[in-house]
N, C-alpha and C. Protein backbone atom coordinates (compact mmCIF):
# COMPACT_ATOMS: atom_id res chain seq x y z
N MET A 1 -70.00 -22.61 38.00
CA MET A 1 -69.53 -21.31 38.43
C MET A 1 -68.02 -21.25 38.55
N THR A 2 -67.38 -22.39 38.73
CA THR A 2 -65.92 -22.39 38.88
C THR A 2 -65.25 -21.72 37.70
N LEU A 3 -65.78 -21.92 36.49
CA LEU A 3 -65.19 -21.35 35.29
C LEU A 3 -65.02 -19.84 35.40
N TYR A 4 -65.89 -19.16 36.12
CA TYR A 4 -65.85 -17.71 36.19
C TYR A 4 -65.00 -17.18 37.34
N GLU A 5 -64.37 -18.07 38.11
CA GLU A 5 -63.49 -17.63 39.18
C GLU A 5 -62.19 -17.04 38.65
N SER A 6 -61.80 -17.48 37.50
CA SER A 6 -60.60 -16.96 36.85
C SER A 6 -60.69 -17.32 35.39
N LYS A 7 -59.94 -16.63 34.57
CA LYS A 7 -59.86 -16.98 33.15
C LYS A 7 -58.58 -16.40 32.58
N PRO A 8 -58.02 -17.09 31.59
CA PRO A 8 -56.82 -16.53 30.97
C PRO A 8 -57.18 -15.52 29.89
N THR A 9 -56.35 -14.51 29.76
CA THR A 9 -56.38 -13.67 28.57
C THR A 9 -55.07 -13.92 27.86
N VAL A 10 -55.11 -13.94 26.55
CA VAL A 10 -53.95 -14.32 25.76
C VAL A 10 -53.74 -13.29 24.67
N ALA A 11 -52.49 -12.86 24.50
CA ALA A 11 -52.14 -11.90 23.45
C ALA A 11 -50.68 -12.12 23.07
N PHE A 12 -50.31 -11.67 21.90
CA PHE A 12 -48.90 -11.70 21.56
C PHE A 12 -48.20 -10.57 22.30
N ALA A 13 -47.07 -10.88 22.91
CA ALA A 13 -46.31 -9.89 23.67
C ALA A 13 -45.84 -8.78 22.74
N SER A 14 -45.68 -7.59 23.31
CA SER A 14 -45.28 -6.43 22.50
C SER A 14 -43.90 -6.62 21.86
N ASP A 15 -43.07 -7.49 22.42
CA ASP A 15 -41.75 -7.72 21.83
C ASP A 15 -41.70 -8.98 20.96
N THR A 16 -42.88 -9.41 20.46
CA THR A 16 -42.92 -10.52 19.50
C THR A 16 -42.16 -10.07 18.24
N PRO A 17 -41.29 -10.93 17.73
CA PRO A 17 -40.50 -10.54 16.56
C PRO A 17 -41.38 -10.22 15.35
N THR A 18 -40.92 -9.26 14.58
CA THR A 18 -41.54 -8.88 13.32
C THR A 18 -40.45 -8.30 12.44
N GLY A 19 -40.64 -8.35 11.14
CA GLY A 19 -39.65 -7.77 10.23
C GLY A 19 -38.89 -8.82 9.45
N ASN A 20 -37.57 -8.68 9.43
CA ASN A 20 -36.73 -9.56 8.63
C ASN A 20 -36.59 -10.95 9.23
N LEU A 21 -36.73 -11.95 8.36
CA LEU A 21 -36.54 -13.34 8.74
C LEU A 21 -35.10 -13.74 8.43
N ILE A 22 -34.42 -14.23 9.43
CA ILE A 22 -33.08 -14.80 9.26
C ILE A 22 -33.26 -16.30 9.51
N PRO A 23 -33.36 -17.10 8.43
CA PRO A 23 -33.63 -18.52 8.59
C PRO A 23 -32.60 -19.22 9.49
N SER A 24 -33.11 -20.09 10.36
CA SER A 24 -32.23 -20.90 11.22
C SER A 24 -33.02 -22.11 11.71
N THR A 25 -32.36 -22.98 12.42
CA THR A 25 -33.04 -24.16 12.97
C THR A 25 -33.82 -23.83 14.23
N SER A 26 -33.65 -22.61 14.77
CA SER A 26 -34.37 -22.24 15.99
C SER A 26 -34.67 -20.74 15.98
N THR A 27 -35.56 -20.33 15.09
CA THR A 27 -35.96 -18.93 14.97
C THR A 27 -37.04 -18.62 16.01
N LEU A 28 -36.82 -17.55 16.78
CA LEU A 28 -37.88 -17.10 17.69
C LEU A 28 -39.00 -16.52 16.84
N LEU A 29 -40.12 -17.21 16.83
CA LEU A 29 -41.24 -16.83 15.98
C LEU A 29 -42.24 -15.94 16.70
N ALA A 30 -42.47 -16.21 17.98
CA ALA A 30 -43.48 -15.43 18.71
C ALA A 30 -43.27 -15.54 20.21
N LYS A 31 -43.75 -14.50 20.90
CA LYS A 31 -43.86 -14.51 22.35
C LYS A 31 -45.33 -14.30 22.68
N ILE A 32 -45.88 -15.22 23.45
CA ILE A 32 -47.30 -15.17 23.78
C ILE A 32 -47.45 -14.90 25.27
N LYS A 33 -48.18 -13.83 25.59
CA LYS A 33 -48.41 -13.45 26.98
C LYS A 33 -49.74 -14.01 27.44
N ILE A 34 -49.69 -14.82 28.51
CA ILE A 34 -50.90 -15.38 29.11
C ILE A 34 -51.06 -14.73 30.48
N SER A 35 -52.22 -14.14 30.72
CA SER A 35 -52.49 -13.45 31.98
C SER A 35 -53.62 -14.15 32.72
N ALA A 36 -53.53 -14.17 34.04
CA ALA A 36 -54.59 -14.72 34.89
C ALA A 36 -55.28 -13.56 35.59
N SER A 37 -56.59 -13.71 35.82
CA SER A 37 -57.30 -12.67 36.56
C SER A 37 -56.79 -12.62 38.00
N ASN A 38 -57.25 -11.67 38.76
CA ASN A 38 -56.72 -11.45 40.12
C ASN A 38 -57.19 -12.45 41.16
N THR A 39 -58.07 -13.37 40.83
CA THR A 39 -58.66 -14.21 41.86
C THR A 39 -58.01 -15.58 42.03
N LYS A 40 -57.68 -16.26 40.94
CA LYS A 40 -57.14 -17.62 41.03
C LYS A 40 -56.10 -17.85 39.94
N ASP A 41 -55.22 -18.83 40.20
CA ASP A 41 -54.21 -19.21 39.22
C ASP A 41 -54.87 -19.88 38.01
N VAL A 42 -54.26 -19.72 36.85
CA VAL A 42 -54.63 -20.46 35.65
C VAL A 42 -53.53 -21.48 35.42
N THR A 43 -53.91 -22.74 35.25
CA THR A 43 -52.95 -23.83 35.12
C THR A 43 -53.12 -24.53 33.78
N PHE A 44 -52.00 -24.85 33.15
CA PHE A 44 -51.97 -25.70 31.96
C PHE A 44 -51.17 -26.93 32.35
N SER A 45 -51.81 -28.10 32.30
CA SER A 45 -51.18 -29.31 32.78
C SER A 45 -51.69 -30.53 32.03
N ALA A 46 -50.87 -31.56 32.00
CA ALA A 46 -51.30 -32.86 31.47
C ALA A 46 -51.39 -33.87 32.60
N THR A 47 -51.37 -33.38 33.84
CA THR A 47 -51.36 -34.24 35.02
C THR A 47 -52.75 -34.77 35.34
N GLY A 48 -52.82 -36.02 35.72
CA GLY A 48 -54.09 -36.61 36.17
C GLY A 48 -55.20 -36.49 35.16
N ALA A 49 -56.33 -35.94 35.56
CA ALA A 49 -57.49 -35.82 34.69
C ALA A 49 -57.39 -34.63 33.73
N ALA A 50 -56.40 -33.77 33.94
CA ALA A 50 -56.27 -32.59 33.09
C ALA A 50 -55.72 -32.98 31.72
N ASN A 51 -56.36 -32.49 30.71
CA ASN A 51 -55.88 -32.63 29.34
C ASN A 51 -55.78 -31.22 28.76
N ASN A 52 -55.05 -30.36 29.44
CA ASN A 52 -54.96 -28.97 29.04
C ASN A 52 -54.06 -28.83 27.82
N SER A 53 -54.37 -27.84 26.99
CA SER A 53 -53.57 -27.64 25.79
C SER A 53 -53.75 -26.24 25.24
N LEU A 54 -52.83 -25.86 24.37
CA LEU A 54 -52.86 -24.59 23.66
C LEU A 54 -52.45 -24.87 22.23
N VAL A 55 -53.27 -24.46 21.27
CA VAL A 55 -52.96 -24.65 19.86
C VAL A 55 -52.43 -23.34 19.30
N VAL A 56 -51.22 -23.41 18.73
CA VAL A 56 -50.62 -22.26 18.06
C VAL A 56 -50.52 -22.61 16.58
N LYS A 57 -51.23 -21.85 15.75
CA LYS A 57 -51.20 -22.05 14.30
C LYS A 57 -49.97 -21.35 13.73
N ILE A 58 -49.42 -21.92 12.67
CA ILE A 58 -48.26 -21.32 12.02
C ILE A 58 -48.49 -21.35 10.51
N SER A 59 -48.40 -20.16 9.90
CA SER A 59 -48.55 -20.03 8.46
C SER A 59 -47.22 -19.63 7.86
N ALA A 60 -46.81 -20.34 6.83
CA ALA A 60 -45.59 -19.99 6.09
C ALA A 60 -45.92 -19.98 4.61
N THR A 61 -45.35 -19.05 3.88
CA THR A 61 -45.60 -18.94 2.45
C THR A 61 -44.30 -18.71 1.71
N GLY A 62 -44.33 -19.04 0.43
CA GLY A 62 -43.20 -18.72 -0.44
C GLY A 62 -42.58 -19.94 -1.09
N ALA A 63 -41.61 -19.66 -1.93
CA ALA A 63 -40.93 -20.70 -2.69
C ALA A 63 -40.05 -21.55 -1.78
N GLY A 64 -39.89 -22.80 -2.17
CA GLY A 64 -38.94 -23.67 -1.49
C GLY A 64 -39.48 -24.41 -0.29
N LEU A 65 -40.78 -24.26 0.02
CA LEU A 65 -41.35 -24.98 1.16
C LEU A 65 -41.47 -26.46 0.79
N ALA A 66 -40.76 -27.28 1.49
CA ALA A 66 -40.78 -28.71 1.22
C ALA A 66 -41.93 -29.36 2.00
N ALA A 67 -42.34 -30.52 1.54
CA ALA A 67 -43.39 -31.27 2.22
C ALA A 67 -42.78 -32.14 3.30
N ASP A 68 -41.95 -31.52 4.14
CA ASP A 68 -41.31 -32.27 5.22
C ASP A 68 -41.69 -31.67 6.56
N ASP A 69 -41.24 -32.31 7.60
CA ASP A 69 -41.58 -31.84 8.93
C ASP A 69 -40.53 -30.87 9.46
N ASP A 70 -41.01 -29.81 10.09
CA ASP A 70 -40.15 -28.78 10.66
C ASP A 70 -40.41 -28.71 12.16
N ALA A 71 -39.33 -28.60 12.93
CA ALA A 71 -39.43 -28.62 14.39
C ALA A 71 -40.02 -27.32 14.93
N ILE A 72 -40.95 -27.46 15.87
CA ILE A 72 -41.54 -26.34 16.60
C ILE A 72 -41.38 -26.65 18.08
N THR A 73 -40.92 -25.67 18.85
CA THR A 73 -40.73 -25.85 20.28
C THR A 73 -41.33 -24.66 21.01
N ILE A 74 -42.03 -24.92 22.10
CA ILE A 74 -42.58 -23.86 22.94
C ILE A 74 -41.92 -23.96 24.30
N LYS A 75 -41.36 -22.80 24.76
CA LYS A 75 -40.63 -22.77 26.03
C LYS A 75 -41.22 -21.73 26.97
N ASP A 76 -41.02 -21.94 28.28
CA ASP A 76 -41.44 -20.94 29.26
C ASP A 76 -40.39 -19.85 29.37
N LYS A 77 -40.62 -18.88 30.26
CA LYS A 77 -39.71 -17.73 30.39
C LYS A 77 -38.32 -18.11 30.88
N ASN A 78 -38.18 -19.30 31.48
CA ASN A 78 -36.88 -19.76 31.96
C ASN A 78 -36.16 -20.65 30.95
N GLY A 79 -36.75 -20.82 29.77
CA GLY A 79 -36.14 -21.65 28.75
C GLY A 79 -36.46 -23.13 28.86
N ASN A 80 -37.36 -23.49 29.77
CA ASN A 80 -37.77 -24.89 29.91
C ASN A 80 -38.75 -25.25 28.79
N THR A 81 -38.56 -26.39 28.16
CA THR A 81 -39.44 -26.83 27.09
C THR A 81 -40.78 -27.28 27.66
N LEU A 82 -41.86 -26.65 27.18
CA LEU A 82 -43.21 -27.02 27.56
C LEU A 82 -43.74 -28.11 26.63
N CYS A 83 -43.33 -28.05 25.35
CA CYS A 83 -43.73 -29.04 24.37
C CYS A 83 -42.93 -28.82 23.09
N SER A 84 -42.89 -29.84 22.27
CA SER A 84 -42.26 -29.73 20.96
C SER A 84 -42.90 -30.75 20.04
N ASP A 85 -42.86 -30.45 18.76
CA ASP A 85 -43.45 -31.33 17.77
C ASP A 85 -42.89 -30.93 16.41
N THR A 86 -43.26 -31.66 15.39
CA THR A 86 -42.89 -31.29 14.03
C THR A 86 -44.16 -31.10 13.22
N ILE A 87 -44.14 -30.11 12.33
CA ILE A 87 -45.27 -29.84 11.45
C ILE A 87 -44.72 -29.52 10.07
N ASN A 88 -45.58 -29.56 9.08
CA ASN A 88 -45.22 -29.13 7.73
C ASN A 88 -45.61 -27.67 7.62
N LEU A 89 -44.63 -26.78 7.51
CA LEU A 89 -44.90 -25.34 7.47
C LEU A 89 -45.76 -24.95 6.27
N GLY A 90 -45.72 -25.70 5.20
CA GLY A 90 -46.47 -25.36 4.00
C GLY A 90 -47.95 -25.68 4.05
N THR A 91 -48.43 -26.26 5.13
CA THR A 91 -49.84 -26.66 5.19
C THR A 91 -50.68 -25.82 6.14
N ASP A 92 -50.18 -24.67 6.59
CA ASP A 92 -50.92 -23.81 7.51
C ASP A 92 -51.33 -24.62 8.74
N ALA A 93 -50.39 -25.39 9.24
CA ALA A 93 -50.64 -26.29 10.36
C ALA A 93 -50.44 -25.57 11.68
N GLY A 94 -50.50 -26.31 12.73
CA GLY A 94 -50.27 -25.76 14.05
C GLY A 94 -49.71 -26.81 14.97
N ILE A 95 -49.25 -26.35 16.10
CA ILE A 95 -48.75 -27.25 17.13
C ILE A 95 -49.75 -27.23 18.29
N THR A 96 -50.09 -28.40 18.76
CA THR A 96 -50.93 -28.51 19.95
C THR A 96 -50.00 -28.79 21.12
N CYS A 97 -49.79 -27.77 21.94
CA CYS A 97 -48.93 -27.91 23.11
C CYS A 97 -49.77 -28.55 24.22
N ASP A 98 -49.40 -29.78 24.60
CA ASP A 98 -50.19 -30.52 25.58
C ASP A 98 -49.59 -30.47 26.99
N PHE A 99 -48.50 -29.73 27.17
CA PHE A 99 -47.87 -29.53 28.47
C PHE A 99 -47.47 -30.84 29.14
N ALA A 100 -47.22 -31.88 28.33
CA ALA A 100 -46.78 -33.17 28.86
C ALA A 100 -45.35 -33.08 29.39
N SER A 101 -44.54 -32.18 28.82
CA SER A 101 -43.15 -32.03 29.29
C SER A 101 -43.07 -31.27 30.60
N ARG A 102 -43.97 -30.29 30.78
CA ARG A 102 -43.89 -29.42 31.95
C ARG A 102 -45.19 -28.64 32.08
N ASP A 103 -45.68 -28.46 33.29
CA ASP A 103 -46.86 -27.63 33.55
C ASP A 103 -46.50 -26.16 33.42
N LEU A 104 -47.51 -25.35 33.14
CA LEU A 104 -47.36 -23.89 33.17
C LEU A 104 -48.44 -23.37 34.11
N VAL A 105 -48.01 -22.64 35.15
CA VAL A 105 -48.95 -22.04 36.09
C VAL A 105 -48.79 -20.52 36.00
N VAL A 106 -49.90 -19.86 35.73
CA VAL A 106 -49.94 -18.41 35.69
C VAL A 106 -50.61 -17.98 36.99
N ALA A 107 -49.80 -17.44 37.91
CA ALA A 107 -50.32 -17.05 39.22
C ALA A 107 -51.37 -15.94 39.08
N ALA A 108 -52.34 -15.95 39.98
CA ALA A 108 -53.41 -14.94 39.98
C ALA A 108 -52.83 -13.54 39.90
N GLY A 109 -53.37 -12.74 38.99
CA GLY A 109 -52.95 -11.35 38.85
C GLY A 109 -51.61 -11.14 38.15
N THR A 110 -51.05 -12.19 37.54
CA THR A 110 -49.75 -12.06 36.88
C THR A 110 -49.83 -12.51 35.42
N ASP A 111 -48.70 -12.37 34.74
CA ASP A 111 -48.55 -12.81 33.34
C ASP A 111 -47.41 -13.80 33.26
N GLU A 112 -47.49 -14.68 32.31
CA GLU A 112 -46.38 -15.55 31.92
C GLU A 112 -46.21 -15.41 30.42
N VAL A 113 -44.98 -15.39 29.97
CA VAL A 113 -44.71 -15.30 28.55
C VAL A 113 -44.07 -16.61 28.10
N ILE A 114 -44.66 -17.19 27.05
CA ILE A 114 -44.08 -18.38 26.46
C ILE A 114 -43.54 -18.00 25.08
N SER A 115 -42.50 -18.69 24.65
CA SER A 115 -41.86 -18.39 23.37
C SER A 115 -42.01 -19.56 22.42
N VAL A 116 -42.29 -19.24 21.16
CA VAL A 116 -42.46 -20.24 20.12
C VAL A 116 -41.26 -20.16 19.18
N TYR A 117 -40.56 -21.28 19.04
CA TYR A 117 -39.39 -21.37 18.17
C TYR A 117 -39.71 -22.31 17.01
N ALA A 118 -39.24 -21.96 15.80
CA ALA A 118 -39.50 -22.78 14.63
C ALA A 118 -38.23 -22.97 13.82
N ASP A 119 -38.13 -24.13 13.18
CA ASP A 119 -37.05 -24.38 12.22
C ASP A 119 -37.47 -23.72 10.92
N THR A 120 -36.84 -22.60 10.59
CA THR A 120 -37.18 -21.84 9.38
C THR A 120 -36.09 -21.97 8.33
N SER A 121 -35.22 -22.97 8.47
CA SER A 121 -34.08 -23.08 7.56
C SER A 121 -34.48 -23.25 6.10
N GLU A 122 -35.67 -23.77 5.82
CA GLU A 122 -36.10 -23.92 4.43
C GLU A 122 -36.73 -22.65 3.85
N LEU A 123 -36.81 -21.59 4.64
CA LEU A 123 -37.41 -20.33 4.18
C LEU A 123 -36.34 -19.33 3.74
N GLY A 124 -35.39 -19.78 2.94
CA GLY A 124 -34.26 -18.95 2.56
C GLY A 124 -34.44 -18.13 1.30
N THR A 125 -35.59 -18.24 0.63
CA THR A 125 -35.84 -17.51 -0.61
C THR A 125 -36.46 -16.16 -0.28
N ALA A 126 -35.98 -15.11 -0.97
CA ALA A 126 -36.54 -13.76 -0.76
C ALA A 126 -38.05 -13.79 -0.94
N GLY A 127 -38.75 -13.19 0.00
CA GLY A 127 -40.21 -13.13 -0.03
C GLY A 127 -40.89 -14.20 0.81
N ASN A 128 -40.16 -15.23 1.23
CA ASN A 128 -40.76 -16.23 2.11
C ASN A 128 -41.16 -15.56 3.42
N SER A 129 -42.26 -16.04 4.01
CA SER A 129 -42.72 -15.43 5.26
C SER A 129 -43.26 -16.50 6.20
N ILE A 130 -43.35 -16.13 7.47
CA ILE A 130 -43.88 -17.02 8.50
C ILE A 130 -44.53 -16.18 9.59
N GLN A 131 -45.61 -16.71 10.16
CA GLN A 131 -46.35 -15.99 11.19
C GLN A 131 -47.09 -16.99 12.09
N ALA A 132 -47.11 -16.71 13.38
CA ALA A 132 -47.89 -17.50 14.34
C ALA A 132 -49.20 -16.78 14.61
N TRP A 133 -50.26 -17.56 14.87
CA TRP A 133 -51.55 -16.96 15.19
C TRP A 133 -52.37 -17.92 16.04
N LEU A 134 -53.38 -17.36 16.70
CA LEU A 134 -54.26 -18.12 17.59
C LEU A 134 -55.66 -18.10 16.98
N ASP A 135 -56.19 -19.27 16.71
CA ASP A 135 -57.41 -19.46 15.93
C ASP A 135 -58.63 -19.64 16.83
N ASP A 136 -59.70 -18.88 16.53
CA ASP A 136 -60.93 -18.97 17.32
C ASP A 136 -61.93 -19.98 16.76
N ALA A 137 -61.48 -20.89 15.89
CA ALA A 137 -62.39 -21.83 15.23
C ALA A 137 -62.93 -22.92 16.15
N SER A 138 -62.24 -23.18 17.26
CA SER A 138 -62.67 -24.27 18.15
C SER A 138 -62.41 -23.92 19.60
N ASP A 139 -63.33 -24.29 20.48
CA ASP A 139 -63.10 -24.11 21.91
C ASP A 139 -61.87 -24.89 22.36
N ASN A 140 -61.57 -26.01 21.69
CA ASN A 140 -60.44 -26.85 22.07
C ASN A 140 -59.08 -26.26 21.73
N ASN A 141 -59.04 -25.06 21.16
CA ASN A 141 -57.75 -24.44 20.86
C ASN A 141 -57.07 -23.86 22.10
N ILE A 142 -57.80 -23.78 23.21
CA ILE A 142 -57.19 -23.50 24.52
C ILE A 142 -58.03 -24.22 25.58
N ILE A 143 -57.36 -25.10 26.31
CA ILE A 143 -58.01 -25.85 27.39
C ILE A 143 -57.14 -25.67 28.63
N TRP A 144 -57.74 -25.24 29.74
CA TRP A 144 -56.98 -24.86 30.92
C TRP A 144 -57.72 -25.26 32.19
N SER A 145 -57.05 -25.09 33.31
CA SER A 145 -57.62 -25.41 34.64
C SER A 145 -57.49 -24.19 35.55
N ILE A 146 -58.20 -24.22 36.66
CA ILE A 146 -58.12 -23.15 37.66
C ILE A 146 -57.50 -23.69 38.93
N ASP A 147 -56.49 -23.00 39.43
CA ASP A 147 -55.85 -23.36 40.70
C ASP A 147 -55.44 -24.83 40.77
N GLY A 148 -55.02 -25.37 39.64
CA GLY A 148 -54.56 -26.75 39.64
C GLY A 148 -55.65 -27.77 39.91
N ASN A 149 -56.93 -27.40 39.66
CA ASN A 149 -58.03 -28.32 39.95
C ASN A 149 -58.15 -29.44 38.92
N LEU A 150 -57.28 -29.43 37.92
CA LEU A 150 -57.21 -30.47 36.90
C LEU A 150 -58.48 -30.61 36.09
N ALA A 151 -59.27 -29.55 36.03
CA ALA A 151 -60.46 -29.54 35.17
C ALA A 151 -60.03 -29.18 33.76
N ASN A 152 -60.97 -29.19 32.86
CA ASN A 152 -60.67 -28.86 31.47
C ASN A 152 -61.68 -27.84 30.97
N TYR A 153 -61.31 -26.57 31.02
CA TYR A 153 -62.18 -25.51 30.53
C TYR A 153 -61.71 -25.15 29.13
N ALA A 154 -62.57 -25.36 28.14
CA ALA A 154 -62.24 -25.11 26.73
C ALA A 154 -62.94 -23.84 26.29
N THR A 155 -62.16 -22.79 26.00
CA THR A 155 -62.76 -21.48 25.70
C THR A 155 -62.13 -20.81 24.48
N GLY A 156 -61.65 -21.58 23.53
CA GLY A 156 -60.95 -21.01 22.37
C GLY A 156 -61.78 -20.03 21.57
N VAL A 157 -63.06 -20.30 21.38
CA VAL A 157 -63.91 -19.42 20.59
C VAL A 157 -64.00 -18.04 21.24
N ILE A 158 -64.06 -18.01 22.57
CA ILE A 158 -64.15 -16.73 23.29
C ILE A 158 -62.77 -16.10 23.47
N THR A 159 -61.81 -16.88 23.95
CA THR A 159 -60.49 -16.34 24.27
C THR A 159 -59.78 -15.79 23.04
N PHE A 160 -59.95 -16.45 21.89
CA PHE A 160 -59.26 -16.03 20.66
C PHE A 160 -60.20 -15.35 19.67
N ARG A 161 -61.33 -14.80 20.17
CA ARG A 161 -62.34 -14.20 19.29
C ARG A 161 -61.72 -13.26 18.26
N GLY A 162 -62.06 -13.48 16.99
CA GLY A 162 -61.55 -12.66 15.91
C GLY A 162 -60.17 -13.08 15.45
N ASP A 163 -59.64 -14.18 15.98
CA ASP A 163 -58.27 -14.64 15.74
C ASP A 163 -57.28 -13.59 16.25
N ILE A 164 -56.15 -14.06 16.70
CA ILE A 164 -55.10 -13.18 17.23
C ILE A 164 -53.83 -13.49 16.46
N TYR A 165 -53.23 -12.47 15.85
CA TYR A 165 -52.06 -12.67 14.99
C TYR A 165 -50.80 -12.10 15.61
N GLY A 166 -49.72 -12.85 15.48
CA GLY A 166 -48.41 -12.39 15.91
C GLY A 166 -47.73 -11.64 14.78
N GLY A 167 -46.50 -11.24 15.00
CA GLY A 167 -45.75 -10.52 13.98
C GLY A 167 -45.39 -11.43 12.82
N SER A 168 -45.22 -10.84 11.67
CA SER A 168 -44.84 -11.59 10.48
C SER A 168 -43.35 -11.38 10.21
N LEU A 169 -42.67 -12.47 9.92
CA LEU A 169 -41.26 -12.41 9.56
C LEU A 169 -41.13 -12.71 8.06
N VAL A 170 -40.39 -11.88 7.33
CA VAL A 170 -40.25 -12.03 5.88
C VAL A 170 -38.78 -12.04 5.52
N LYS A 171 -38.39 -13.00 4.67
CA LYS A 171 -37.00 -13.08 4.19
C LYS A 171 -36.79 -11.97 3.15
N PRO A 172 -35.84 -11.06 3.43
CA PRO A 172 -35.61 -9.96 2.48
C PRO A 172 -34.99 -10.44 1.16
């Protein structure tokens, strides 16, 4: 029953970037709004028994995509790094944010916005594009806790039902 005391809802924030891509080593790719219900906090943590995580998929297309690793960083609203990793943008990969750098607590009845930054410097050819999305293929694509109880509730299939897409950035 604990699982139903609170649950996160996840959506791309209304001010998620869309439109023209200006390649750089730190392009703001998406803003993701995580909301907690009114009853209990939703926690993302790597502390103790918690193995909480959030998977953000990233699709990039177009000429010039190298088979190398590109930096992806996810930050909280204060600019603190929650996680970072490298992925190959040309493989429709994703980053699994494990919150090992910093916990994220969404207080009951509130929202938190996290920002996804990507190295898009190799996307300099006209027509290249990039987009972040949340995949409903696995429950493990979002694992969270309630009120810091360090449990692991995996609800990706439900939370991301139908997949959730952020804005698309295209190099003019």
